[in-house]
Amino acid sequence: VSYFGRSWPHVEISDNDKEIKVTAEVPGLEEKDIEVLLEDGVLTLKGEKRAQSEDRDRQFSERFYGRFERRIPLGYEVEDDKVSADFKNGVLTVALPKTERAQAKAKRIAINHKN
């Protein structure tokens, strides 16, 4: 079994005052192929992409197959029981609401202008 490079699946992370959102592109996979885990402030996406045909039939391929695992440190405390994941058209979106304590830690720093 081959493993994808460490940077697959490709992800996009957005962070606002209330939540962290992780979006991963996983074309060719279905919900049943992906596992989403949250432990000790680390989001883990893992699963397997299976070939659609036997290796002996394949003459050339630039597609990736095999198991993958992507670990994403969140950097904030999140409400574990309120985390949600949605999957649509090969895109996995995980919404991780921040705890009130994590929301309170964010503080805007004023920038002083000097001439």
Protein backbone atom coordinates (compact mmCIF):
# COMPACT_ATOMS: atom_id res chain seq x y z
CA VAL A 1 0.00 0.00 0.00
CA SER A 2 1.41 3.36 -0.96
CA TYR A 3 1.02 6.49 1.15
CA PHE A 4 0.19 9.96 -0.11
CA GLY A 5 2.62 12.80 0.51
CA ARG A 6 2.27 14.47 3.89
CA SER A 7 0.44 17.43 2.39
CA TRP A 8 -2.51 15.43 1.04
CA PRO A 9 -5.35 16.04 1.25
CA HIS A 10 -4.92 19.72 0.52
CA VAL A 11 -6.64 21.80 3.19
CA GLU A 12 -7.81 25.35 3.74
CA ILE A 13 -8.09 26.63 7.31
CA SER A 14 -10.12 29.66 8.31
CA ASP A 15 -10.18 31.09 11.80
CA ASN A 16 -12.57 33.70 13.17
CA ASP A 17 -13.57 34.76 16.68
CA LYS A 18 -16.02 31.90 17.18
CA GLU A 19 -14.75 28.90 15.19
CA ILE A 20 -12.07 27.24 13.16
CA LYS A 21 -13.13 25.77 9.83
CA VAL A 22 -11.05 23.16 8.02
CA THR A 23 -11.92 22.36 4.41
CA ALA A 24 -10.23 19.46 2.62
CA GLU A 25 -10.41 18.54 -1.05
CA VAL A 26 -10.75 14.77 -1.36
CA PRO A 27 -11.87 14.10 -4.94
CA GLY A 28 -12.79 10.54 -5.79
CA LEU A 29 -13.64 9.64 -2.20
CA GLU A 30 -16.96 9.03 -0.49
CA GLU A 31 -17.96 9.67 3.12
CA LYS A 32 -17.32 6.02 4.01
CA ASP A 33 -13.67 6.37 2.87
CA ILE A 34 -12.85 9.16 5.35
CA GLU A 35 -12.45 9.22 9.13
CA VAL A 36 -12.38 12.48 11.11
CA LEU A 37 -10.83 12.41 14.59
CA LEU A 38 -10.24 15.09 17.22
CA GLU A 39 -7.83 14.40 20.08
CA ASP A 40 -5.76 16.70 22.30
CA GLY A 41 -6.27 19.74 20.08
CA VAL A 42 -5.29 17.93 16.88
CA LEU A 43 -7.71 17.26 14.02
CA THR A 44 -6.86 14.11 12.08
CA LEU A 45 -8.24 13.27 8.64
CA LYS A 46 -7.54 9.77 7.47
CA GLY A 47 -8.81 7.18 5.09
CA GLU A 48 -8.07 5.36 1.87
CA LYS A 49 -8.50 6.03 -1.82
CA ARG A 50 -8.91 2.81 -3.76
CA ALA A 51 -8.06 2.25 -7.40
CA GLN A 52 -11.04 1.85 -9.71
CA SER A 53 -9.33 -0.83 -11.79
CA GLU A 54 -6.74 -3.59 -11.39
CA ASP A 55 -3.07 -2.56 -11.56
CA ARG A 56 -2.48 -4.92 -14.48
CA ASP A 57 -4.93 -2.92 -16.62
CA ARG A 58 -3.25 0.41 -15.91
CA GLN A 59 -0.60 1.49 -18.42
CA PHE A 60 -0.05 5.02 -17.11
CA SER A 61 -1.40 6.99 -14.15
CA GLU A 62 -0.66 10.24 -12.34
CA ARG A 63 -3.51 9.62 -9.89
CA PHE A 64 -2.83 8.81 -6.24
CA TYR A 65 -4.17 5.76 -4.45
CA GLY A 66 -3.65 4.31 -0.99
CA ARG A 67 -4.01 5.34 2.64
CA PHE A 68 -3.66 8.88 3.86
CA GLU A 69 -3.48 10.65 7.20
CA ARG A 70 -3.30 14.41 7.76
CA ARG A 71 -2.84 15.83 11.27
CA ILE A 72 -3.72 19.49 11.85
CA PRO A 73 -2.87 21.14 15.20
CA LEU A 74 -5.67 23.59 15.99
CA GLY A 75 -4.00 25.93 18.46
CA TYR A 76 -7.27 26.62 20.32
CA GLU A 77 -9.57 24.75 22.68
CA VAL A 78 -12.73 23.67 20.86
CA GLU A 79 -16.17 22.51 21.97
CA ASP A 80 -15.68 18.79 21.26
CA ASP A 81 -19.39 17.98 21.46
CA LYS A 82 -20.32 20.71 18.95
CA VAL A 83 -17.85 19.84 16.18
CA SER A 84 -19.58 19.07 12.88
CA ALA A 85 -18.42 17.63 9.57
CA ASP A 86 -20.09 17.88 6.16
CA PHE A 87 -19.14 16.17 2.91
CA LYS A 88 -20.32 17.32 -0.52
CA ASN A 89 -18.91 16.95 -4.04
CA GLY A 90 -15.52 15.70 -2.88
CA VAL A 91 -15.07 18.48 -0.29
CA LEU A 92 -14.99 17.76 3.45
CA THR A 93 -15.73 20.70 5.77
CA VAL A 94 -15.16 20.43 9.52
CA ALA A 95 -16.46 23.25 11.75
CA LEU A 96 -14.83 23.44 15.20
CA PRO A 97 -16.48 25.98 17.55
CA LYS A 98 -14.01 27.56 19.98
CA THR A 99 -14.63 27.38 23.72
CA GLU A 100 -15.60 30.60 25.49
CA ARG A 101 -12.17 30.57 27.12
CA ALA A 102 -10.46 30.35 23.72
CA GLN A 103 -12.66 33.16 22.39
CA ALA A 104 -11.75 35.36 25.36
CA LYS A 105 -8.01 34.83 24.78
CA ALA A 106 -8.13 36.63 21.44
CA LYS A 107 -7.19 40.23 22.03
CA ARG A 108 -6.71 42.93 19.44
CA ILE A 109 -3.44 44.81 19.80
CA ALA A 110 -3.45 48.47 18.85
CA ILE A 111 -0.81 49.54 16.35
CA ASN A 112 0.79 52.89 17.11
CA HIS A 113 1.68 55.09 14.20
CA LYS A 114 5.03 56.84 14.49
CA ASN A 115 6.38 59.47 12.10
